[in-house]
Protein backbone atom coordinates (compact mmCIF):
# COMPACT_ATOMS: atom_id res chain seq x y z
CA MET A 1 -2.46 88.49 69.26
CA ILE A 2 -1.44 85.03 70.42
CA THR A 3 2.27 84.98 71.31
CA MET A 4 4.83 82.49 72.55
CA ASP A 5 4.13 83.76 76.08
CA THR A 6 0.52 82.58 75.65
CA LEU A 7 1.69 79.08 74.78
CA SER A 8 4.15 79.08 77.67
CA ALA A 9 1.35 80.01 80.08
CA ILE A 10 -0.87 77.20 78.73
CA ALA A 11 2.03 74.77 79.19
CA ASP A 12 2.44 76.03 82.79
CA ALA A 13 -1.20 75.22 83.47
CA VAL A 14 -0.84 71.74 81.99
CA GLN A 15 2.35 71.00 83.93
CA GLU A 16 0.84 72.17 87.20
CA ALA A 17 -2.18 69.91 86.65
CA ILE A 18 -0.30 66.73 85.78
CA GLU A 19 2.10 67.16 88.71
CA LYS A 20 -0.90 66.77 91.02
CA ILE A 21 -1.64 63.23 89.77
CA PRO A 22 -0.60 61.01 92.74
CA ASP A 23 1.39 58.27 90.98
CA HIS A 24 2.05 56.53 87.68
CA ARG A 25 -0.78 54.02 88.23
CA CYS A 26 -3.32 56.86 88.33
CA LYS A 27 -1.78 58.37 85.22
CA ALA A 28 -2.52 55.16 83.34
CA ASP A 29 -6.21 54.87 84.32
CA LYS A 30 -8.49 54.78 81.28
CA VAL A 31 -11.16 57.41 81.86
CA CYS A 32 -13.02 57.67 78.51
CA MET A 33 -12.80 57.23 74.75
CA GLY A 34 -11.09 60.01 72.87
CA ALA A 35 -12.41 61.71 69.74
CA ASP A 36 -9.95 59.62 67.74
CA GLY A 37 -11.67 56.42 68.93
CA THR A 38 -8.88 55.28 71.26
CA PRO A 39 -8.97 55.03 75.08
CA THR A 40 -7.94 58.17 76.96
CA SER A 41 -5.56 57.88 79.90
CA GLN A 42 -5.96 59.95 83.04
CA ILE A 43 -2.83 61.98 82.36
CA ASP A 44 -4.01 62.87 78.84
CA LYS A 45 -7.43 64.02 80.07
CA VAL A 46 -6.04 65.99 83.00
CA ALA A 47 -3.57 67.74 80.71
CA GLU A 48 -6.18 68.53 78.08
CA ASN A 49 -8.71 69.82 80.63
CA ALA A 50 -6.09 72.09 82.14
CA ALA A 51 -5.34 73.66 78.76
CA LEU A 52 -9.02 74.05 77.86
CA MET A 53 -9.89 75.61 81.23
CA TYR A 54 -7.00 78.05 80.99
CA ILE A 55 -8.09 79.17 77.51
CA GLN A 56 -11.74 79.49 78.51
CA SER A 57 -11.20 81.25 81.83
CA ARG A 58 -9.03 83.92 80.24
CA GLY A 59 -11.04 84.32 77.05
CA ILE A 60 -8.07 83.53 74.83
CA PRO A 61 -9.25 83.79 71.19
CA LEU A 62 -8.34 80.30 70.01
CA ASN A 63 -10.22 77.33 68.64
CA VAL A 64 -8.76 74.05 69.86
CA LEU A 65 -7.89 70.81 68.08
CA SER A 66 -6.81 68.12 70.50
CA GLU A 67 -6.37 64.36 70.49
CA GLU A 68 -8.99 63.58 73.11
CA ILE A 69 -11.76 66.13 72.64
CA GLY A 70 -11.37 66.72 68.91
CA PHE A 71 -12.19 70.18 67.50
CA VAL A 72 -13.62 72.92 69.71
CA ASP A 73 -14.97 75.85 67.72
CA ASN A 74 -14.69 79.03 69.76
CA GLY A 75 -15.32 81.26 66.76
CA ALA A 76 -11.68 82.35 66.61
CA GLU A 77 -9.54 82.97 63.54
CA GLU A 78 -6.72 80.74 64.74
CA THR A 79 -6.61 77.24 66.18
CA LEU A 80 -4.44 75.78 68.92
CA VAL A 81 -3.33 72.35 67.68
CA MET A 82 -2.19 70.46 70.73
CA ASP A 83 -1.15 67.10 72.00
CA PRO A 84 -1.34 67.79 75.75
CA ILE A 85 0.92 64.81 76.39
CA ASP A 86 2.92 63.42 73.46
CA GLY A 87 4.61 60.22 74.59
CA THR A 88 1.90 59.10 77.03
CA SER A 89 3.37 55.61 77.46
CA ASN A 90 6.70 57.13 78.49
CA ALA A 91 4.97 59.46 80.96
CA ILE A 92 3.03 56.58 82.51
CA ALA A 93 6.17 54.45 82.78
CA GLY A 94 8.11 57.25 84.46
CA ILE A 95 10.45 57.68 81.49
CA PRO A 96 11.36 61.39 81.28
CA TYR A 97 10.76 61.62 77.57
CA TYR A 98 7.44 63.23 76.73
CA THR A 99 6.18 66.70 75.88
CA ILE A 100 3.43 69.25 76.05
CA SER A 101 3.04 70.05 72.33
CA LEU A 102 1.31 73.30 71.26
CA ALA A 103 1.05 75.01 67.88
CA VAL A 104 -1.01 77.87 66.43
CA GLY A 105 -2.27 78.14 62.85
CA THR A 106 -5.43 78.52 60.81
CA GLU A 107 -6.28 75.48 58.70
CA ARG A 108 -3.28 73.33 57.81
CA LEU A 109 0.16 72.20 58.88
CA SER A 110 1.66 74.53 56.29
CA ASP A 111 0.18 77.69 57.83
CA ILE A 112 1.29 77.13 61.44
CA ARG A 113 3.07 80.24 62.71
CA LEU A 114 3.96 79.27 66.30
CA GLY A 115 5.27 76.03 67.77
CA TYR A 116 6.09 75.20 71.39
CA LEU A 117 7.37 71.98 73.01
CA ARG A 118 8.10 71.46 76.68
CA ASN A 119 9.49 68.41 78.41
CA PRO A 120 7.85 68.71 81.87
CA VAL A 121 10.51 66.56 83.52
CA THR A 122 13.72 68.08 82.18
CA GLY A 123 12.32 71.56 81.64
CA ASP A 124 13.71 71.71 78.09
CA ILE A 125 11.74 74.05 75.82
CA TYR A 126 11.82 74.07 72.02
CA CYS A 127 10.00 76.85 70.19
CA ALA A 128 9.74 78.50 66.80
CA GLU A 129 7.92 81.36 65.14
CA LYS A 130 7.50 81.28 61.39
CA GLY A 131 10.29 83.22 59.72
CA HIS A 132 12.20 83.79 62.95
CA GLY A 133 14.18 80.58 63.49
CA ALA A 134 14.01 77.78 66.06
CA TYR A 135 15.29 77.79 69.62
CA LYS A 136 16.04 75.41 72.49
CA ASN A 137 16.09 76.97 75.94
CA GLY A 138 16.60 80.38 74.35
CA CYS A 139 19.53 79.35 72.11
CA ARG A 140 19.12 79.15 68.35
CA ILE A 141 19.28 75.64 66.87
CA LYS A 142 19.81 74.34 63.36
CA VAL A 143 20.04 71.00 61.59
CA ARG A 144 23.36 69.40 60.78
CA THR A 145 25.05 68.45 57.53
CA PRO A 146 24.75 64.68 57.08
CA VAL A 147 27.64 62.28 56.64
CA VAL A 148 26.35 59.70 54.16
CA ASP A 149 28.00 56.65 55.72
CA ASP A 150 27.45 57.81 59.31
CA LEU A 151 23.74 58.50 59.59
CA PHE A 152 21.92 58.56 62.92
CA VAL A 153 18.16 58.20 62.46
CA MET A 154 15.21 58.11 64.83
CA ILE A 155 12.76 55.41 63.68
CA TYR A 156 9.29 54.39 64.78
CA MET A 157 9.66 50.66 65.52
CA GLY A 158 6.49 49.86 67.44
CA ASN A 159 4.26 46.85 66.88
CA HIS A 160 2.73 48.41 63.74
CA ALA A 161 6.05 49.41 62.17
CA HIS A 162 6.44 48.65 58.47
CA PRO A 163 9.20 46.15 57.54
CA ASP A 164 10.94 48.99 55.69
CA ALA A 165 11.57 50.63 59.07
CA PHE A 166 13.68 47.68 60.18
CA ALA A 167 15.49 47.67 56.84
CA VAL A 168 16.43 51.31 57.38
CA ALA A 169 17.65 50.51 60.91
CA LYS A 170 20.01 47.92 59.43
CA LYS A 171 21.25 50.32 56.77
CA VAL A 172 22.18 53.38 58.85
CA ARG A 173 25.02 53.55 61.34
CA SER A 174 22.81 54.03 64.36
CA SER A 175 19.10 54.35 65.13
CA ARG A 176 16.80 54.86 68.10
CA SER A 177 13.09 54.51 68.79
CA LEU A 178 12.15 56.72 71.73
CA GLY A 179 8.35 56.75 71.68
CA CYS A 180 7.78 60.49 71.41
CA SER A 181 7.60 61.80 67.86
CA SER A 182 7.71 65.49 68.79
CA LEU A 183 10.98 65.11 70.71
CA GLU A 184 12.45 62.79 68.10
CA MET A 185 11.83 65.47 65.47
CA ALA A 186 13.29 68.08 67.84
CA ILE A 187 16.48 66.02 68.04
CA VAL A 188 16.74 66.36 64.26
CA ALA A 189 16.04 70.10 64.52
CA GLU A 190 18.86 70.67 66.99
CA GLY A 191 21.33 68.77 64.81
CA GLU A 192 21.79 65.72 67.00
CA ALA A 193 20.21 63.28 64.50
CA ASP A 194 19.80 63.19 60.72
CA GLY A 195 16.18 62.12 60.42
CA PHE A 196 13.05 60.66 61.95
CA LEU A 197 11.13 57.99 60.01
CA MET A 198 7.50 57.24 60.76
CA LYS A 199 6.29 54.34 58.64
CA SER A 200 3.43 52.26 59.97
CA GLU A 201 1.85 49.27 58.23
CA SER A 202 -1.53 50.43 59.53
CA TYR A 203 -2.93 53.75 58.38
CA PHE A 204 -4.75 54.05 61.69
CA ARG A 205 -1.46 53.86 63.59
CA SER A 206 0.33 56.54 61.61
CA ILE A 207 0.70 60.16 62.68
CA ARG A 208 -2.02 62.81 63.12
CA VAL A 209 -1.47 66.54 62.80
CA VAL A 210 -1.87 67.01 66.58
CA ASP A 211 1.19 64.82 67.14
CA ILE A 212 3.61 66.82 64.99
CA ALA A 213 2.19 70.33 64.52
CA ALA A 214 4.66 72.01 66.88
CA SER A 215 7.67 69.88 66.01
CA THR A 216 7.15 70.42 62.27
CA ILE A 217 7.49 74.21 62.43
CA ILE A 218 10.42 73.85 64.82
CA LEU A 219 12.21 71.55 62.39
CA ARG A 220 11.41 73.74 59.39
CA GLU A 221 12.63 76.87 61.14
CA ALA A 222 15.83 74.99 62.04
CA GLY A 223 16.46 74.35 58.32
CA GLY A 224 14.95 70.88 57.96
CA GLU A 225 11.85 69.55 56.23
CA VAL A 226 9.15 66.92 56.57
CA TYR A 227 8.22 64.82 53.52
CA ASP A 228 5.57 62.22 52.89
CA LEU A 229 6.88 58.90 51.62
CA GLU A 230 6.28 59.89 48.00
CA GLY A 231 8.71 62.80 48.31
CA ASN A 232 6.17 65.62 48.68
CA VAL A 233 6.46 68.26 51.38
CA LEU A 234 4.08 67.06 54.08
CA ASP A 235 0.89 69.04 54.61
CA MET A 236 -2.12 67.98 56.66
CA PRO A 237 -5.48 69.61 57.46
CA PHE A 238 -6.49 70.47 60.99
CA ASP A 239 -8.54 67.40 61.88
CA ILE A 240 -7.88 64.14 63.67
CA GLU A 241 -9.14 61.88 60.88
CA HIS A 242 -6.20 62.36 58.52
CA ARG A 243 -3.02 60.43 59.22
CA ALA A 244 0.32 60.20 57.48
CA ASN A 245 3.61 58.39 57.32
CA PHE A 246 6.58 60.65 56.79
CA LEU A 247 10.32 61.23 56.96
CA ALA A 248 11.58 64.31 58.78
CA VAL A 249 15.13 65.22 57.77
CA GLY A 250 17.70 67.90 58.28
CA ASP A 251 18.88 67.61 54.69
CA TYR A 252 17.12 66.31 51.57
CA ARG A 253 20.08 64.05 50.86
CA VAL A 254 19.00 61.98 53.85
CA TYR A 255 15.60 61.49 52.22
CA ASN A 256 17.29 60.27 49.04
CA ILE A 257 19.51 57.85 50.93
CA ILE A 258 16.72 56.38 53.03
CA MET A 259 13.71 56.38 50.72
CA ARG A 260 15.10 56.03 47.22
CA HIS A 261 17.91 53.65 48.10
CA ARG A 262 16.52 51.92 51.14
CA ASP A 263 17.30 48.34 50.16
CA VAL A 264 19.90 46.92 52.50
CA SER A 265 21.26 44.29 50.14
CA GLU A 266 24.24 45.09 47.95
CA HIS A 267 22.29 44.07 44.86
CA HIS A 268 18.60 44.27 44.09
CA ARG A 269 16.73 41.06 43.39
CA TYR A 270 14.28 41.18 40.50
CA GLY A 271 11.26 39.10 39.66
CA ILE A 272 9.86 38.89 36.12
CA TYR A 273 6.13 38.29 35.78
CA THR A 274 4.82 37.99 32.21
CA ASN A 275 1.38 37.46 30.76
CA VAL A 276 2.09 34.53 28.46
CA HIS A 277 -0.94 35.43 26.33
CA VAL A 278 0.50 38.79 25.31
CA LYS A 279 1.78 38.93 21.75
CA HIS A 280 5.61 38.75 21.72
CA ALA A 281 5.60 37.75 25.41
CA VAL A 282 8.74 35.62 25.02
CA ASP A 283 10.57 38.32 23.06
CA TYR A 284 9.76 41.04 25.60
CA THR A 285 10.81 38.78 28.48
CA ARG A 286 14.07 37.91 26.74
CA GLN A 287 14.80 41.62 26.31
CA VAL A 288 14.24 42.16 30.03
CA ILE A 289 16.60 39.30 30.91
CA ASP A 290 19.28 40.64 28.57
CA ALA A 291 18.93 44.16 29.97
CA LEU A 292 19.28 42.89 33.56
CA GLY A 293 22.70 41.48 32.71
CA ASP A 294 24.37 39.97 35.76
CA ASN A 295 21.75 41.21 38.20
CA PRO A 296 19.94 38.34 39.97
CA TYR A 297 16.41 37.63 38.77
CA PHE A 298 13.66 35.02 39.05
CA LEU A 299 11.15 34.08 36.37
CA ASP A 300 7.50 33.41 37.04
CA LYS A 301 6.70 29.75 36.40
CA ASP A 302 4.25 30.29 33.52
CA ILE A 303 6.63 32.21 31.27
CA ALA A 304 9.56 30.07 32.43
CA ASP A 305 7.74 26.93 31.25
CA VAL A 306 7.12 28.50 27.85
CA MET A 307 10.79 29.49 27.52
CA GLY A 308 12.12 26.23 28.91
CA LEU A 309 13.84 27.94 31.83
CA PRO A 310 13.70 27.47 35.62
CA GLY A 311 10.88 29.34 37.30
CA MET A 312 8.78 29.68 40.42
CA PRO A 313 5.43 31.21 41.46
CA LEU A 314 5.58 34.95 42.04
CA GLU A 315 4.43 34.61 45.65
CA ASP A 316 7.49 32.44 46.40
CA MET A 317 10.02 34.96 45.06
CA ASP A 318 12.29 36.73 47.57
CA VAL A 319 12.61 39.92 45.53
CA ASP A 320 12.33 43.66 46.14
CA THR A 321 11.25 44.61 42.60
CA VAL A 322 8.94 42.85 40.14
CA ILE A 323 9.07 43.67 36.44
CA VAL A 324 5.64 43.01 34.96
CA VAL A 325 5.22 42.39 31.24
CA GLY A 326 1.65 42.79 30.04
CA GLY A 327 -1.30 45.14 30.43
CA ASP A 328 -2.88 46.75 33.46
CA GLY A 329 -4.67 43.52 34.29
CA THR A 330 -1.34 41.73 34.51
CA LEU A 331 -0.01 44.38 36.88
CA LEU A 332 -3.06 44.04 39.09
CA ARG A 333 -2.74 40.26 39.06
CA ALA A 334 0.92 40.55 40.07
CA LEU A 335 0.01 42.83 42.97
CA GLN A 336 -2.28 40.12 44.32
CA HIS A 337 0.80 37.95 44.83
CA THR A 338 3.50 40.36 45.98
CA ASP A 339 4.13 43.40 48.16
CA ALA A 340 7.35 44.20 46.31
CA LYS A 341 7.72 47.32 44.19
CA VAL A 342 6.39 46.82 40.68
CA ILE A 343 7.18 48.38 37.32
CA GLY A 344 5.13 47.63 34.23
CA ILE A 345 6.22 47.08 30.65
CA ASN A 346 3.23 47.73 28.44
CA GLY A 347 2.54 44.67 26.35
CA GLY A 348 -1.15 45.49 26.00
CA SER A 349 -3.01 48.45 24.51
CA VAL A 350 -3.42 51.43 26.85
CA GLY A 351 -1.24 50.29 29.75
CA PHE A 352 -2.19 53.21 32.00
CA LEU A 353 -0.31 51.79 34.98
CA ALA A 354 2.76 50.72 32.99
CA GLU A 355 5.93 52.81 32.99
CA ILE A 356 7.97 51.33 30.14
CA ASP A 357 6.79 51.01 26.54
CA HIS A 358 7.61 47.71 24.83
CA ASP A 359 9.72 49.62 22.28
CA ASN A 360 11.97 51.00 25.03
CA ILE A 361 12.64 47.98 27.22
CA ALA A 362 16.44 48.25 27.26
CA GLU A 363 16.37 51.96 28.11
CA GLY A 364 13.73 51.47 30.78
CA ILE A 365 15.55 48.63 32.52
CA ALA A 366 18.81 50.62 32.40
CA ARG A 367 17.08 53.46 34.22
CA LEU A 368 15.65 50.98 36.72
CA LEU A 369 19.11 49.55 37.41
CA ARG A 370 20.66 52.93 38.08
CA GLU A 371 17.75 53.69 40.43
CA ASP A 372 16.69 56.80 38.53
CA TYR A 373 13.11 56.66 39.74
CA ILE A 374 10.81 57.33 42.65
CA VAL A 375 8.41 54.94 44.35
CA GLU A 376 4.76 55.96 44.26
CA THR A 377 2.68 54.40 47.03
CA ARG A 378 -1.03 53.74 46.52
CA PHE A 379 -3.41 52.41 49.14
CA ARG A 380 -5.34 49.17 48.70
CA LEU A 381 -8.93 48.33 49.53
CA SER A 382 -9.65 45.32 51.73
CA CYS A 383 -12.83 43.26 51.35
CA TRP A 384 -14.71 41.45 54.14
CA TYR A 385 -17.70 39.19 53.55
CA ASN A 386 -19.55 37.40 56.35
CA GLY A 387 -16.71 38.33 58.68
CA GLU A 388 -14.14 36.67 56.42
CA TYR A 389 -11.33 38.55 54.71
CA LEU A 390 -11.34 37.88 50.97
CA MET A 391 -8.48 39.86 49.41
CA ASP A 392 -7.25 43.36 48.66
CA SER A 393 -7.92 45.45 45.57
CA VAL A 394 -5.69 48.11 44.06
CA ASN A 395 -8.24 49.35 41.51
CA GLU A 396 -11.73 48.57 42.64
CA ALA A 397 -14.23 46.17 44.12
CA VAL A 398 -17.38 45.45 42.13
CA VAL A 399 -20.64 43.99 43.37
CA HIS A 400 -22.92 43.07 40.47
CA THR A 401 -25.79 40.81 39.52
CA ASP A 402 -24.98 37.17 38.84
CA THR A 403 -27.57 37.04 36.06
CA VAL A 404 -27.35 38.91 32.76
CA ALA A 405 -29.94 41.70 32.26
CA LYS A 406 -31.34 41.38 35.81
CA ILE A 407 -30.97 44.34 38.14
CA ARG A 408 -30.64 44.13 41.91
CA HIS A 409 -31.63 46.31 44.85
CA PHE A 410 -28.62 47.71 46.76
CA LYS A 411 -28.13 49.81 49.87
CA VAL A 412 -24.79 51.52 50.43
CA TYR A 413 -23.73 52.49 53.95
CA VAL A 414 -20.83 54.78 54.89
CA ASP A 415 -19.61 54.11 58.43
CA ASP A 416 -22.88 52.23 59.07
CA VAL A 417 -25.05 55.19 57.99
CA LEU A 418 -27.28 54.66 54.93
CA ALA A 419 -25.82 56.85 52.17
CA SER A 420 -27.57 55.62 49.02
CA GLU A 421 -30.21 53.17 47.87
CA MET A 422 -30.54 52.09 44.26
CA ARG A 423 -31.71 49.53 41.76
CA SER A 424 -28.89 48.86 39.37
CA ASP A 425 -26.70 46.25 37.73
CA GLY A 426 -24.20 46.72 40.52
CA VAL A 427 -22.01 49.02 42.60
CA ILE A 428 -18.32 49.87 42.23
CA VAL A 429 -16.15 50.95 45.14
CA SER A 430 -13.07 52.46 43.54
CA THR A 431 -9.72 53.72 44.82
CA PRO A 432 -8.08 56.73 43.11
CA THR A 433 -5.97 54.21 41.18
CA GLY A 434 -9.11 52.54 39.83
CA SER A 435 -10.84 55.83 39.04
CA THR A 436 -9.22 55.79 35.59
CA CYS A 437 -10.55 52.32 34.90
CA TYR A 438 -14.02 50.76 35.28
CA ALA A 439 -15.43 53.72 37.24
CA MET A 440 -14.44 56.21 34.55
CA SER A 441 -16.03 54.07 31.84
CA LEU A 442 -19.34 54.50 33.70
CA GLY A 443 -19.04 58.27 33.59
CA ALA A 444 -17.49 58.87 37.01
CA PRO A 445 -14.66 61.42 37.37
CA TYR A 446 -11.07 60.34 37.71
CA MET A 447 -9.15 61.22 40.87
CA ASP A 448 -5.60 62.40 41.36
CA PRO A 449 -3.80 59.51 43.12
CA LYS A 450 -2.73 61.86 45.92
CA VAL A 451 -6.39 62.17 46.95
CA ARG A 452 -7.15 59.85 49.86
CA ALA A 453 -10.73 58.98 49.02
CA LEU A 454 -12.99 56.22 47.77
CA MET A 455 -15.55 56.61 45.02
CA VAL A 456 -18.86 54.75 45.03
CA VAL A 457 -20.26 54.35 41.50
CA PRO A 458 -23.67 52.86 40.59
CA MET A 459 -23.64 50.60 37.52
CA ALA A 460 -26.48 51.33 35.08
CA ALA A 461 -28.78 52.57 37.82
CA TYR A 462 -32.51 52.48 37.08
CA LYS A 463 -33.06 56.04 38.38
CA PHE A 464 -31.07 59.01 37.10
CA ASN A 465 -30.58 60.44 40.59
CA SER A 466 -28.37 57.51 41.59
CA ARG A 467 -25.03 59.25 41.07
CA PRO A 468 -21.39 58.53 41.98
CA PHE A 469 -20.22 59.96 45.29
CA ILE A 470 -16.90 60.28 47.08
CA VAL A 471 -16.12 59.43 50.70
CA PRO A 472 -12.92 59.69 52.82
CA ALA A 473 -10.54 56.77 52.45
CA THR A 474 -10.87 56.17 56.18
CA SER A 475 -14.56 55.31 55.76
CA LYS A 476 -16.03 51.83 55.95
CA VAL A 477 -18.24 51.28 52.90
CA THR A 478 -20.86 48.54 53.17
CA VAL A 479 -22.87 47.27 50.21
CA GLU A 480 -26.04 45.33 51.00
CA ASN A 481 -27.66 43.02 48.45
CA VAL A 482 -31.23 43.58 49.59
CA MET A 483 -33.08 41.10 47.38
CA ASP A 484 -33.07 37.37 47.97
CA LYS A 485 -31.13 36.88 44.76
CA GLY A 486 -27.43 36.32 44.23
CA CYS A 487 -24.66 38.69 43.23
CA LEU A 488 -20.94 38.42 42.56
CA ILE A 489 -18.11 40.24 44.30
CA VAL A 490 -15.31 40.87 41.78
CA LEU A 491 -11.99 42.24 43.05
CA ASP A 492 -9.67 43.99 40.59
CA GLY A 493 -11.22 41.90 37.83
CA GLN A 494 -9.08 39.00 39.06
CA GLU A 495 -11.12 37.06 41.60
CA GLU A 496 -14.86 36.67 42.06
CA TYR A 497 -16.92 35.41 44.98
CA VAL A 498 -20.59 34.48 45.29
CA MET A 499 -22.66 36.91 47.37
CA ASP A 500 -25.94 35.59 48.74
CA GLY A 501 -29.17 37.55 48.69
CA GLY A 502 -29.82 39.56 51.83
CA SER A 503 -26.12 39.73 52.76
CA LYS A 504 -23.59 42.56 53.12
CA VAL A 505 -19.99 43.05 52.07
CA GLU A 506 -17.64 45.58 53.70
CA PHE A 507 -14.76 47.55 52.19
CA ARG A 508 -12.17 49.55 54.08
CA ILE A 509 -8.65 50.81 53.56
CA SER A 510 -6.05 48.04 53.81
CA ASP A 511 -2.89 48.01 55.88
CA ARG A 512 -1.05 46.88 52.75
CA LYS A 513 0.17 49.28 50.08
CA ALA A 514 0.86 48.95 46.37
CA ARG A 515 4.19 50.46 45.31
CA PHE A 516 4.75 51.54 41.72
CA ILE A 517 8.15 52.52 40.35
CA ARG A 518 7.74 55.76 38.41
CA PHE A 519 9.98 57.66 36.00
CA ASN A 520 7.32 60.29 35.38
CA THR A 521 5.01 61.30 38.22
CA ASP A 522 2.94 63.77 36.22
CA PHE A 523 -0.48 62.14 36.55
CA TYR A 524 -2.23 64.60 34.25
CA SER A 525 0.23 64.08 31.39
CA ARG A 526 -0.39 60.36 31.76
CA VAL A 527 -4.15 60.98 31.55
CA ARG A 528 -3.75 63.09 28.41
CA GLU A 529 -1.39 60.69 26.69
CA LYS A 530 -3.04 57.39 27.56
CA LEU A 531 -6.71 58.23 27.98
CA VAL A 532 -7.65 61.48 26.27
CA ASN A 533 -5.59 60.98 23.12
CA THR A 534 -5.98 57.21 22.85
CA LEU A 535 -8.63 55.34 20.87
């Protein structure tokens, strides 16, 4: 049975090894590429090797998941999830703020039963066993009760930090960015801070399970919790491909304050974007304006011109929320021009993405104004053609023939490996958001929006065995137009680009996100009401 003494002995081996590195310049030497695709520093590799050798030499029954080597299958029931050095940049710079981070579980963050953190410089040790509390240097620790107007929050503010991170820093009384997520979470666990926010603009710069496995169980055993940015309790599989942004808190009230009311201005600023071709467009827009009352708002130029009011293009609006009047296409068009939160008023037919029905505009806006909602974040798909970035899609990217009733020959690659070859009218690369749209109409399944995956869907393929398939959202999907005949690239049904014969187009997850304001987050009720029971 693996115990805390086992983890302490592994940490001893790691500490002894890294203390033998001559100086900080040697610690920084890049010695190889890690399993996560990033350069490995000498101190990281020395630390990892020491842990692996200790486990192997003593026959300790543990698989290993580590940042540099990836997953090592030793045929054991449990896995050691470790970051041999968390806070490498601090260690290299001689800043005494880094840890040896070790945790033991089976498959996921949620089933970790042991967590151990050691600061090799100060000697501080944090540990926790599931169901038995959390401890620092042998003394039990617990989170503190927050004071709403006196919050102290640890915040990731590196060069990939999301702008929201800086907004939070301005909102709370005090904040720090210390460059070691495990210790920053431990500070929350011992009641010295109220939360730790990790929000990166780049998915590939957000947190992996190896970074926070130990600190998560320590925080949970101290009475706190870790949530994703949609408000769900964070859970992650044991691999180094998955990444997450999150907010670790000692009290859920801190989550509410930071995530649901994170705007730093005293009043929200609203944009109104209306499809002028929708029946009753002016009436619906007037109802929105009336419901907003004295709250500041800006009108999109098209509807403003129709109503004889001042207006401006959506992309020029300095707003945090955009109210979109129209169908799903209007919402998607709005998202091409803003990164603000959006909420849809259904002025079309189905309006799957809309939240407010046109018969309930006043009630919906009232709920918006009192902030009785959550923000649902969806990832976008970026498109690159001939090395040039085109634009992002929220729903899907479509590559199809530029001539009616003429099929094309396509090859689809996943991370540069040929995955499928077909003759068809085209290929769809869909996000979970778009799975209830064009992809579904071609017979593909719909995906829960919490699934981080892409779906590749052939369009009217010549052979029956050309079927839809799903790949991780972290994959690069490449579509090659094999024949010397043209195609079109259509993004979210809004913009189209000519694709030459014999060329390739690449799709990958975007750094940008789409944020939908939701009153009801029950995806399956939405499917039943708007898709299953709708003509």
